[in-house]
PDB file of all heavy atoms in Angstrom:
ATOM      1  N   LEU A   1     -71.532-107.100  80.915  1.00  0.00           N
ATOM      2  CA  LEU A   1     -70.951-108.349  80.408  1.00  0.00           C
ATOM      3  C   LEU A   1     -71.837-109.538  80.758  1.00  0.00           C
ATOM      4  O   LEU A   1     -72.110-110.391  79.911  1.00  0.00           O
ATOM      5  CB  LEU A   1     -69.545-108.569  80.964  1.00  0.00           C
ATOM      6  CG  LEU A   1     -68.908-109.906  80.584  1.00  0.00           C
ATOM      7  CD1 LEU A   1     -68.661-109.991  79.080  1.00  0.00           C
ATOM      8  CD2 LEU A   1     -67.629-110.141  81.358  1.00  0.00           C
ATOM      9  N   GLU A   2     -72.305-109.600  81.997  1.00  0.00           N
ATOM     10  CA  GLU A   2     -73.128-110.729  82.413  1.00  0.00           C
ATOM     11  C   GLU A   2     -74.461-110.749  81.675  1.00  0.00           C
ATOM     12  O   GLU A   2     -74.950-111.818  81.308  1.00  0.00           O
ATOM     13  CB  GLU A   2     -73.301-110.724  83.929  1.00  0.00           C
ATOM     14  CG  GLU A   2     -71.993-111.080  84.632  1.00  0.00           C
ATOM     15  CD  GLU A   2     -72.071-111.058  86.151  1.00  0.00           C
ATOM     16  OE1 GLU A   2     -73.083-110.570  86.708  1.00  0.00           O
ATOM     17  OE2 GLU A   2     -71.098-111.525  86.775  1.00  0.00           O
ATOM     18  N   ALA A   3     -75.058-109.597  81.421  1.00  0.00           N
ATOM     19  CA  ALA A   3     -76.310-109.540  80.655  1.00  0.00           C
ATOM     20  C   ALA A   3     -76.078-110.036  79.236  1.00  0.00           C
ATOM     21  O   ALA A   3     -76.884-110.805  78.692  1.00  0.00           O
ATOM     22  CB  ALA A   3     -76.863-108.121  80.642  1.00  0.00           C
ATOM     23  N   ALA A   4     -74.976-109.607  78.622  1.00  0.00           N
ATOM     24  CA  ALA A   4     -74.655-110.071  77.262  1.00  0.00           C
ATOM     25  C   ALA A   4     -74.439-111.573  77.255  1.00  0.00           C
ATOM     26  O   ALA A   4     -74.992-112.297  76.410  1.00  0.00           O
ATOM     27  CB  ALA A   4     -73.421-109.344  76.737  1.00  0.00           C
ATOM     28  N   PHE A   5     -73.670-112.070  78.203  1.00  0.00           N
ATOM     29  CA  PHE A   5     -73.374-113.504  78.270  1.00  0.00           C
ATOM     30  C   PHE A   5     -74.644-114.315  78.514  1.00  0.00           C
ATOM     31  O   PHE A   5     -74.847-115.362  77.893  1.00  0.00           O
ATOM     32  CB  PHE A   5     -72.334-113.776  79.363  1.00  0.00           C
ATOM     33  CG  PHE A   5     -71.826-115.186  79.369  1.00  0.00           C
ATOM     34  CD1 PHE A   5     -70.868-115.599  78.458  1.00  0.00           C
ATOM     35  CD2 PHE A   5     -72.314-116.090  80.289  1.00  0.00           C
ATOM     36  CE1 PHE A   5     -70.399-116.905  78.459  1.00  0.00           C
ATOM     37  CE2 PHE A   5     -71.846-117.402  80.305  1.00  0.00           C
ATOM     38  CZ  PHE A   5     -70.886-117.807  79.381  1.00  0.00           C
ATOM     39  N   ASP A   6     -75.500-113.829  79.402  1.00  0.00           N
ATOM     40  CA  ASP A   6     -76.759-114.520  79.688  1.00  0.00           C
ATOM     41  C   ASP A   6     -77.660-114.599  78.452  1.00  0.00           C
ATOM     42  O   ASP A   6     -78.539-115.456  78.369  1.00  0.00           O
ATOM     43  CB  ASP A   6     -77.511-113.837  80.835  1.00  0.00           C
ATOM     44  CG  ASP A   6     -76.846-114.050  82.191  1.00  0.00           C
ATOM     45  OD1 ASP A   6     -75.958-114.929  82.304  1.00  0.00           O
ATOM     46  OD2 ASP A   6     -77.189-113.306  83.130  1.00  0.00           O
ATOM     47  N   ASN A   7     -77.422-113.710  77.494  1.00  0.00           N
ATOM     48  CA  ASN A   7     -78.188-113.707  76.248  1.00  0.00           C
ATOM     49  C   ASN A   7     -77.422-114.357  75.096  1.00  0.00           C
ATOM     50  O   ASN A   7     -77.781-114.177  73.932  1.00  0.00           O
ATOM     51  CB  ASN A   7     -78.601-112.280  75.888  1.00  0.00           C
ATOM     52  CG  ASN A   7     -79.748-111.824  76.747  1.00  0.00           C
ATOM     53  OD1 ASN A   7     -80.886-112.237  76.540  1.00  0.00           O
ATOM     54  ND2 ASN A   7     -79.470-110.997  77.739  1.00  0.00           N
ATOM     55  N   GLY A   8     -76.378-115.099  75.430  1.00  0.00           N
ATOM     56  CA  GLY A   8     -75.677-115.903  74.434  1.00  0.00           C
ATOM     57  C   GLY A   8     -74.466-115.272  73.779  1.00  0.00           C
ATOM     58  O   GLY A   8     -73.874-115.866  72.879  1.00  0.00           O
ATOM     59  N   ILE A   9     -74.076-114.077  74.197  1.00  0.00           N
ATOM     60  CA  ILE A   9     -72.912-113.423  73.597  1.00  0.00           C
ATOM     61  C   ILE A   9     -71.655-113.851  74.347  1.00  0.00           C
ATOM     62  O   ILE A   9     -71.524-113.604  75.547  1.00  0.00           O
ATOM     63  CB  ILE A   9     -73.069-111.887  73.615  1.00  0.00           C
ATOM     64  CG1 ILE A   9     -74.261-111.491  72.739  1.00  0.00           C
ATOM     65  CG2 ILE A   9     -71.793-111.199  73.152  1.00  0.00           C
ATOM     66  CD1 ILE A   9     -74.612-110.027  72.785  1.00  0.00           C
ATOM     67  N   ASN A  10     -70.762-114.512  73.622  1.00  0.00           N
ATOM     68  CA  ASN A  10     -69.509-114.976  74.220  1.00  0.00           C
ATOM     69  C   ASN A  10     -68.284-114.425  73.489  1.00  0.00           C
ATOM     70  O   ASN A  10     -67.157-114.808  73.766  1.00  0.00           O
ATOM     71  CB  ASN A  10     -69.451-116.504  74.260  1.00  0.00           C
ATOM     72  CG  ASN A  10     -69.389-117.141  72.884  1.00  0.00           C
ATOM     73  OD1 ASN A  10     -69.548-116.477  71.858  1.00  0.00           O
ATOM     74  ND2 ASN A  10     -69.166-118.445  72.856  1.00  0.00           N
ATOM     75  N   PHE A  11     -68.509-113.512  72.545  1.00  0.00           N
ATOM     76  CA  PHE A  11     -67.439-112.922  71.750  1.00  0.00           C
ATOM     77  C   PHE A  11     -67.265-111.456  72.159  1.00  0.00           C
ATOM     78  O   PHE A  11     -68.224-110.680  72.140  1.00  0.00           O
ATOM     79  CB  PHE A  11     -67.793-113.009  70.258  1.00  0.00           C
ATOM     80  CG  PHE A  11     -66.752-112.404  69.355  1.00  0.00           C
ATOM     81  CD1 PHE A  11     -65.556-113.061  69.112  1.00  0.00           C
ATOM     82  CD2 PHE A  11     -66.978-111.187  68.754  1.00  0.00           C
ATOM     83  CE1 PHE A  11     -64.595-112.498  68.280  1.00  0.00           C
ATOM     84  CE2 PHE A  11     -66.027-110.618  67.923  1.00  0.00           C
ATOM     85  CZ  PHE A  11     -64.832-111.280  67.689  1.00  0.00           C
ATOM     86  N   ILE A  12     -66.056-111.092  72.557  1.00  0.00           N
ATOM     87  CA  ILE A  12     -65.769-109.751  73.038  1.00  0.00           C
ATOM     88  C   ILE A  12     -64.800-109.080  72.068  1.00  0.00           C
ATOM     89  O   ILE A  12     -63.775-109.652  71.704  1.00  0.00           O
ATOM     90  CB  ILE A  12     -65.121-109.784  74.445  1.00  0.00           C
ATOM     91  CG1 ILE A  12     -65.943-110.649  75.415  1.00  0.00           C
ATOM     92  CG2 ILE A  12     -64.891-108.374  74.975  1.00  0.00           C
ATOM     93  CD1 ILE A  12     -67.352-110.205  75.645  1.00  0.00           C
ATOM     94  N   ASP A  13     -65.120-107.851  71.663  1.00  0.00           N
ATOM     95  CA  ASP A  13     -64.254-107.079  70.774  1.00  0.00           C
ATOM     96  C   ASP A  13     -63.568-105.987  71.567  1.00  0.00           C
ATOM     97  O   ASP A  13     -64.223-105.201  72.249  1.00  0.00           O
ATOM     98  CB  ASP A  13     -65.068-106.450  69.642  1.00  0.00           C
ATOM     99  CG  ASP A  13     -64.202-105.517  68.812  1.00  0.00           C
ATOM    100  OD1 ASP A  13     -63.315-106.018  68.105  1.00  0.00           O
ATOM    101  OD2 ASP A  13     -64.401-104.289  68.897  1.00  0.00           O
ATOM    102  N   SER A  14     -62.255-105.943  71.475  1.00  0.00           N
ATOM    103  CA  SER A  14     -61.481-104.952  72.200  1.00  0.00           C
ATOM    104  C   SER A  14     -60.323-104.457  71.342  1.00  0.00           C
ATOM    105  O   SER A  14     -59.993-105.046  70.326  1.00  0.00           O
ATOM    106  CB  SER A  14     -60.941-105.575  73.497  1.00  0.00           C
ATOM    107  OG  SER A  14     -60.231-104.607  74.229  1.00  0.00           O
ATOM    108  N   ALA A  15     -59.717-103.376  71.777  1.00  0.00           N
ATOM    109  CA  ALA A  15     -58.485-102.867  71.174  1.00  0.00           C
ATOM    110  C   ALA A  15     -57.743-102.089  72.246  1.00  0.00           C
ATOM    111  O   ALA A  15     -58.360-101.482  73.124  1.00  0.00           O
ATOM    112  CB  ALA A  15     -58.779-101.969  69.977  1.00  0.00           C
ATOM    113  N   ASP A  16     -56.438-102.099  72.139  1.00  0.00           N
ATOM    114  CA  ASP A  16     -55.645-101.441  73.178  1.00  0.00           C
ATOM    115  C   ASP A  16     -55.814 -99.931  73.207  1.00  0.00           C
ATOM    116  O   ASP A  16     -55.431 -99.290  74.179  1.00  0.00           O
ATOM    117  CB  ASP A  16     -54.170-101.827  73.070  1.00  0.00           C
ATOM    118  CG  ASP A  16     -53.503-101.369  71.783  1.00  0.00           C
ATOM    119  OD1 ASP A  16     -54.210-101.137  70.777  1.00  0.00           O
ATOM    120  OD2 ASP A  16     -52.261-101.260  71.771  1.00  0.00           O
ATOM    121  N   ILE A  17     -56.428 -99.348  72.183  1.00  0.00           N
ATOM    122  CA  ILE A  17     -56.641 -97.892  72.185  1.00  0.00           C
ATOM    123  C   ILE A  17     -58.026 -97.496  72.676  1.00  0.00           C
ATOM    124  O   ILE A  17     -58.286 -96.311  72.873  1.00  0.00           O
ATOM    125  CB  ILE A  17     -56.393 -97.271  70.793  1.00  0.00           C
ATOM    126  CG1 ILE A  17     -57.449 -97.720  69.781  1.00  0.00           C
ATOM    127  CG2 ILE A  17     -54.988 -97.545  70.326  1.00  0.00           C
ATOM    128  CD1 ILE A  17     -57.472 -96.886  68.517  1.00  0.00           C
ATOM    129  N   TYR A  18     -58.925 -98.462  72.901  1.00  0.00           N
ATOM    130  CA  TYR A  18     -60.279 -98.113  73.335  1.00  0.00           C
ATOM    131  C   TYR A  18     -60.212 -97.382  74.676  1.00  0.00           C
ATOM    132  O   TYR A  18     -59.631 -97.866  75.639  1.00  0.00           O
ATOM    133  CB  TYR A  18     -61.152 -99.355  73.484  1.00  0.00           C
ATOM    134  CG  TYR A  18     -61.577 -99.997  72.176  1.00  0.00           C
ATOM    135  CD1 TYR A  18     -62.259-101.202  72.183  1.00  0.00           C
ATOM    136  CD2 TYR A  18     -61.317 -99.420  70.944  1.00  0.00           C
ATOM    137  CE1 TYR A  18     -62.665-101.810  70.998  1.00  0.00           C
ATOM    138  CE2 TYR A  18     -61.722-100.016  69.760  1.00  0.00           C
ATOM    139  CZ  TYR A  18     -62.389-101.210  69.800  1.00  0.00           C
ATOM    140  OH  TYR A  18     -62.790-101.800  68.626  1.00  0.00           O
ATOM    141  N   GLY A  19     -60.834 -96.212  74.721  1.00  0.00           N
ATOM    142  CA  GLY A  19     -60.817 -95.422  75.948  1.00  0.00           C
ATOM    143  C   GLY A  19     -59.412 -95.036  76.348  1.00  0.00           C
ATOM    144  O   GLY A  19     -59.117 -94.912  77.528  1.00  0.00           O
ATOM    145  N   GLN A  20     -58.550 -94.888  75.361  1.00  0.00           N
ATOM    146  CA  GLN A  20     -57.124 -94.591  75.581  1.00  0.00           C
ATOM    147  C   GLN A  20     -56.489 -95.630  76.505  1.00  0.00           C
ATOM    148  O   GLN A  20     -55.676 -95.314  77.368  1.00  0.00           O
ATOM    149  CB  GLN A  20     -56.947 -93.170  76.102  1.00  0.00           C
ATOM    150  CG  GLN A  20     -57.450 -92.148  75.110  1.00  0.00           C
ATOM    151  CD  GLN A  20     -57.265 -90.725  75.563  1.00  0.00           C
ATOM    152  OE1 GLN A  20     -56.692 -90.457  76.603  1.00  0.00           O
ATOM    153  NE2 GLN A  20     -57.769 -89.800  74.778  1.00  0.00           N
ATOM    154  N   GLY A  21     -56.878 -96.869  76.325  1.00  0.00           N
ATOM    155  CA  GLY A  21     -56.330 -97.981  77.090  1.00  0.00           C
ATOM    156  C   GLY A  21     -57.097 -98.315  78.353  1.00  0.00           C
ATOM    157  O   GLY A  21     -56.916 -99.393  78.925  1.00  0.00           O
ATOM    158  N   GLU A  22     -57.965 -97.432  78.782  1.00  0.00           N
ATOM    159  CA  GLU A  22     -58.690 -97.633  80.043  1.00  0.00           C
ATOM    160  C   GLU A  22     -59.779 -98.697  79.934  1.00  0.00           C
ATOM    161  O   GLU A  22     -60.102 -99.353  80.920  1.00  0.00           O
ATOM    162  CB  GLU A  22     -59.279 -96.317  80.545  1.00  0.00           C
ATOM    163  CG  GLU A  22     -58.228 -95.311  80.973  1.00  0.00           C
ATOM    164  CD  GLU A  22     -57.359 -95.812  82.114  1.00  0.00           C
ATOM    165  OE1 GLU A  22     -57.900 -96.340  83.108  1.00  0.00           O
ATOM    166  OE2 GLU A  22     -56.122 -95.687  82.008  1.00  0.00           O
ATOM    167  N   SER A  23     -60.356 -98.865  78.752  1.00  0.00           N
ATOM    168  CA  SER A  23     -61.426 -99.861  78.605  1.00  0.00           C
ATOM    169  C   SER A  23     -60.919-101.267  78.882  1.00  0.00           C
ATOM    170  O   SER A  23     -61.605-102.063  79.529  1.00  0.00           O
ATOM    171  CB  SER A  23     -62.052 -99.770  77.213  1.00  0.00           C
ATOM    172  OG  SER A  23     -62.808 -98.585  77.105  1.00  0.00           O
ATOM    173  N   GLU A  24     -59.719-101.591  78.420  1.00  0.00           N
ATOM    174  CA  GLU A  24     -59.174-102.916  78.693  1.00  0.00           C
ATOM    175  C   GLU A  24     -58.846-103.087  80.176  1.00  0.00           C
ATOM    176  O   GLU A  24     -58.980-104.177  80.714  1.00  0.00           O
ATOM    177  CB  GLU A  24     -57.954-103.195  77.819  1.00  0.00           C
ATOM    178  CG  GLU A  24     -58.349-103.535  76.394  1.00  0.00           C
ATOM    179  CD  GLU A  24     -57.227-104.147  75.578  1.00  0.00           C
ATOM    180  OE1 GLU A  24     -56.039-103.918  75.891  1.00  0.00           O
ATOM    181  OE2 GLU A  24     -57.552-104.866  74.621  1.00  0.00           O
ATOM    182  N   LYS A  25     -58.428-102.010  80.840  1.00  0.00           N
ATOM    183  CA  LYS A  25     -58.166-102.097  82.286  1.00  0.00           C
ATOM    184  C   LYS A  25     -59.460-102.407  83.045  1.00  0.00           C
ATOM    185  O   LYS A  25     -59.482-103.253  83.936  1.00  0.00           O
ATOM    186  CB  LYS A  25     -57.546-100.802  82.792  1.00  0.00           C
ATOM    187  CG  LYS A  25     -56.116-100.608  82.346  1.00  0.00           C
ATOM    188  CD  LYS A  25     -55.557 -99.304  82.873  1.00  0.00           C
ATOM    189  CE  LYS A  25     -54.157 -99.077  82.335  1.00  0.00           C
ATOM    190  NZ  LYS A  25     -53.620 -97.773  82.735  1.00  0.00           N
ATOM    191  N   ILE A  26     -60.539-101.701  82.681  1.00  0.00           N
ATOM    192  CA  ILE A  26     -61.832-101.956  83.318  1.00  0.00           C
ATOM    193  C   ILE A  26     -62.268-103.394  83.025  1.00  0.00           C
ATOM    194  O   ILE A  26     -62.754-104.101  83.910  1.00  0.00           O
ATOM    195  CB  ILE A  26     -62.909-100.955  82.845  1.00  0.00           C
ATOM    196  CG1 ILE A  26     -62.555 -99.537  83.272  1.00  0.00           C
ATOM    197  CG2 ILE A  26     -64.301-101.361  83.324  1.00  0.00           C
ATOM    198  CD1 ILE A  26     -62.697 -99.269  84.751  1.00  0.00           C
ATOM    199  N   PHE A  27     -62.087-103.833  81.778  1.00  0.00           N
ATOM    200  CA  PHE A  27     -62.481-105.190  81.409  1.00  0.00           C
ATOM    201  C   PHE A  27     -61.713-106.218  82.236  1.00  0.00           C
ATOM    202  O   PHE A  27     -62.277-107.234  82.654  1.00  0.00           O
ATOM    203  CB  PHE A  27     -62.279-105.427  79.915  1.00  0.00           C
ATOM    204  CG  PHE A  27     -62.813-106.755  79.458  1.00  0.00           C
ATOM    205  CD1 PHE A  27     -64.174-106.997  79.440  1.00  0.00           C
ATOM    206  CD2 PHE A  27     -61.960-107.761  79.052  1.00  0.00           C
ATOM    207  CE1 PHE A  27     -64.682-108.219  79.035  1.00  0.00           C
ATOM    208  CE2 PHE A  27     -62.452-108.985  78.641  1.00  0.00           C
ATOM    209  CZ  PHE A  27     -63.817-109.213  78.635  1.00  0.00           C
ATOM    210  N   GLY A  28     -60.446-105.964  82.504  1.00  0.00           N
ATOM    211  CA  GLY A  28     -59.668-106.860  83.372  1.00  0.00           C
ATOM    212  C   GLY A  28     -60.285-106.963  84.761  1.00  0.00           C
ATOM    213  O   GLY A  28     -60.358-108.049  85.344  1.00  0.00           O
ATOM    214  N   GLN A  29     -60.751-105.840  85.298  1.00  0.00           N
ATOM    215  CA  GLN A  29     -61.414-105.847  86.604  1.00  0.00           C
ATOM    216  C   GLN A  29     -62.728-106.618  86.525  1.00  0.00           C
ATOM    217  O   GLN A  29     -63.087-107.347  87.461  1.00  0.00           O
ATOM    218  CB  GLN A  29     -61.662-104.417  87.072  1.00  0.00           C
ATOM    219  CG  GLN A  29     -60.402-103.644  87.351  1.00  0.00           C
ATOM    220  CD  GLN A  29     -60.673-102.169  87.632  1.00  0.00           C
ATOM    221  OE1 GLN A  29     -61.797-101.770  87.948  1.00  0.00           O
ATOM    222  NE2 GLN A  29     -59.637-101.358  87.513  1.00  0.00           N
ATOM    223  N   VAL A  30     -63.434-106.441  85.410  1.00  0.00           N
ATOM    224  CA  VAL A  30     -64.711-107.131  85.211  1.00  0.00           C
ATOM    225  C   VAL A  30     -64.506-108.645  85.244  1.00  0.00           C
ATOM    226  O   VAL A  30     -65.300-109.372  85.850  1.00  0.00           O
ATOM    227  CB  VAL A  30     -65.361-106.692  83.880  1.00  0.00           C
ATOM    228  CG1 VAL A  30     -66.496-107.607  83.477  1.00  0.00           C
ATOM    229  CG2 VAL A  30     -65.843-105.255  83.981  1.00  0.00           C
ATOM    230  N   LEU A  31     -63.462-109.120  84.599  1.00  0.00           N
ATOM    231  CA  LEU A  31     -63.214-110.565  84.592  1.00  0.00           C
ATOM    232  C   LEU A  31     -62.996-111.108  85.998  1.00  0.00           C
ATOM    233  O   LEU A  31     -63.355-112.251  86.292  1.00  0.00           O
ATOM    234  CB  LEU A  31     -62.023-110.899  83.700  1.00  0.00           C
ATOM    235  CG  LEU A  31     -62.261-110.742  82.203  1.00  0.00           C
ATOM    236  CD1 LEU A  31     -60.977-111.005  81.431  1.00  0.00           C
ATOM    237  CD2 LEU A  31     -63.375-111.651  81.712  1.00  0.00           C
ATOM    238  N   LYS A  32     -62.429-110.299  86.882  1.00  0.00           N
ATOM    239  CA  LYS A  32     -62.233-110.725  88.276  1.00  0.00           C
ATOM    240  C   LYS A  32     -63.538-110.691  89.062  1.00  0.00           C
ATOM    241  O   LYS A  32     -63.754-111.513  89.947  1.00  0.00           O
ATOM    242  CB  LYS A  32     -61.186-109.846  88.949  1.00  0.00           C
ATOM    243  CG  LYS A  32     -59.791-110.052  88.412  1.00  0.00           C
ATOM    244  CD  LYS A  32     -58.804-109.105  89.049  1.00  0.00           C
ATOM    245  CE  LYS A  32     -57.428-109.290  88.427  1.00  0.00           C
ATOM    246  NZ  LYS A  32     -56.469-108.295  88.897  1.00  0.00           N
ATOM    247  N   LEU A  33     -64.412-109.734  88.750  1.00  0.00           N
ATOM    248  CA  LEU A  33     -65.670-109.571  89.485  1.00  0.00           C
ATOM    249  C   LEU A  33     -66.777-110.501  88.992  1.00  0.00           C
ATOM    250  O   LEU A  33     -67.687-110.841  89.752  1.00  0.00           O
ATOM    251  CB  LEU A  33     -66.169-108.127  89.353  1.00  0.00           C
ATOM    252  CG  LEU A  33     -65.338-107.043  90.011  1.00  0.00           C
ATOM    253  CD1 LEU A  33     -65.847-105.659  89.602  1.00  0.00           C
ATOM    254  CD2 LEU A  33     -65.372-107.194  91.517  1.00  0.00           C
ATOM    255  N   SER A  34     -66.707-110.889  87.752  1.00  0.00           N
ATOM    256  CA  SER A  34     -67.814-111.599  87.111  1.00  0.00           C
ATOM    257  C   SER A  34     -67.893-113.068  87.510  1.00  0.00           C
ATOM    258  O   SER A  34     -66.895-113.696  87.838  1.00  0.00           O
ATOM    259  CB  SER A  34     -67.658-111.502  85.590  1.00  0.00           C
ATOM    260  OG  SER A  34     -68.667-112.238  84.947  1.00  0.00           O
ATOM    261  N   LYS A  35     -69.102-113.589  87.409  1.00  0.00           N
ATOM    262  CA  LYS A  35     -69.336-115.021  87.622  1.00  0.00           C
ATOM    263  C   LYS A  35     -68.913-115.829  86.396  1.00  0.00           C
ATOM    264  O   LYS A  35     -68.846-117.055  86.442  1.00  0.00           O
ATOM    265  CB  LYS A  35     -70.817-115.264  87.914  1.00  0.00           C
ATOM    266  CG  LYS A  35     -71.704-114.898  86.730  1.00  0.00           C
ATOM    267  CD  LYS A  35     -73.171-115.107  87.000  1.00  0.00           C
ATOM    268  CE  LYS A  35     -73.959-114.733  85.744  1.00  0.00           C
ATOM    269  NZ  LYS A  35     -75.369-114.815  85.901  1.00  0.00           N
TER     270      LYS A  35
END
């Protein structure tokens, strides 16, 4: 996420079924860890 953001990407595509719901859970953790 930080590499994408550092390169100008600020748009995130998600869906509640990605990774059977686990991808959004990981993304939630990422938002807490990220600068």
